[in-house]
């Protein structure tokens, strides 16, 4: 079985994003995490590939959390 590494989702600009874009980003992140978990299960015996995917997942999560915070801050200032 070939293990296919999922691409990180594209995240919207929190300075201009509308609610629908943020909801799509949330759903895209959920799908990414699900695909990444499947990839991790597939490559669990390959430490380098496994660790690389974990690092990418953490970076994607940090990026998503950052845009959510900025979006919420912008919305509360409106």
Protein backbone atom coordinates (compact mmCIF):
# COMPACT_ATOMS: atom_id res chain seq x y z
CA UNK A 1 0.00 0.00 0.00
CA UNK A 2 1.39 3.38 -0.99
CA UNK A 3 1.25 6.00 1.72
CA UNK A 4 0.12 9.35 0.38
CA UNK A 5 1.10 12.37 2.43
CA UNK A 6 -1.76 14.90 2.63
CA UNK A 7 -1.05 18.53 1.73
CA UNK A 8 -1.55 21.17 4.40
CA UNK A 9 -4.77 23.11 3.91
CA UNK A 10 -4.73 26.64 2.54
CA UNK A 11 -5.75 29.06 5.26
CA UNK A 12 -7.56 32.35 4.65
CA UNK A 13 -6.18 35.77 5.52
CA UNK A 14 -7.65 36.53 8.96
CA UNK A 15 -7.58 40.24 8.19
CA UNK A 16 -10.12 39.89 5.38
CA UNK A 17 -11.76 36.49 5.90
CA UNK A 18 -15.51 36.17 6.24
CA UNK A 19 -17.25 33.63 8.45
CA UNK A 20 -17.83 31.18 5.59
CA UNK A 21 -14.09 31.12 4.83
CA UNK A 22 -13.27 30.46 8.47
CA UNK A 23 -15.81 27.62 8.64
CA UNK A 24 -14.30 26.14 5.46
CA UNK A 25 -10.81 26.43 6.99
CA UNK A 26 -12.04 24.58 10.10
CA UNK A 27 -13.53 21.80 7.97
CA UNK A 28 -10.39 21.63 5.84
CA UNK A 29 -8.28 21.28 8.99
CA UNK A 30 -10.49 18.46 10.26
CA UNK A 31 -10.13 16.64 6.93
CA UNK A 32 -6.37 17.25 6.94
CA UNK A 33 -6.00 15.83 10.46
CA UNK A 34 -8.01 12.75 9.50
CA UNK A 35 -5.89 12.19 6.37
CA UNK A 36 -2.69 12.88 8.31
CA UNK A 37 -3.66 10.35 10.99
CA UNK A 38 -4.18 7.74 8.25
CA UNK A 39 -0.78 8.64 6.79
CA UNK A 40 0.84 8.30 10.24
CA UNK A 41 -0.65 4.84 10.63
CA UNK A 42 0.73 3.92 7.22
CA UNK A 43 4.29 5.13 7.91
CA UNK A 44 4.55 4.29 11.62
CA UNK A 45 7.54 2.01 10.98
CA UNK A 46 9.44 4.84 9.21
CA UNK A 47 10.50 7.13 12.03
CA UNK A 48 11.76 9.96 9.81
CA UNK A 49 8.56 10.17 7.73
CA UNK A 50 6.41 9.79 10.84
CA UNK A 51 8.20 12.57 12.73
CA UNK A 52 8.17 14.83 9.69
CA UNK A 53 4.39 14.45 9.39
CA UNK A 54 3.90 15.13 13.11
CA UNK A 55 5.97 18.33 12.75
CA UNK A 56 3.88 19.41 9.74
CA UNK A 57 0.65 18.69 11.61
CA UNK A 58 1.82 20.80 14.55
CA UNK A 59 2.77 23.67 12.24
CA UNK A 60 -0.61 23.49 10.48
CA UNK A 61 -2.44 23.49 13.82
CA UNK A 62 -0.41 26.46 15.06
CA UNK A 63 -1.13 28.34 11.84
CA UNK A 64 -4.84 27.59 12.08
CA UNK A 65 -5.02 28.59 15.74
CA UNK A 66 -3.19 31.81 14.95
CA UNK A 67 -5.61 32.84 12.20
CA UNK A 68 -8.59 31.97 14.42
CA UNK A 69 -7.26 34.23 17.19
CA UNK A 70 -6.63 37.07 14.73
CA UNK A 71 -10.06 36.63 13.13
CA UNK A 72 -11.82 36.64 16.52
CA UNK A 73 -9.89 39.73 17.59
CA UNK A 74 -10.87 41.50 14.38
CA UNK A 75 -14.52 40.48 14.80
CA UNK A 76 -14.67 41.66 18.42
CA UNK A 77 -13.22 45.04 17.38
CA UNK A 78 -15.99 45.56 14.80
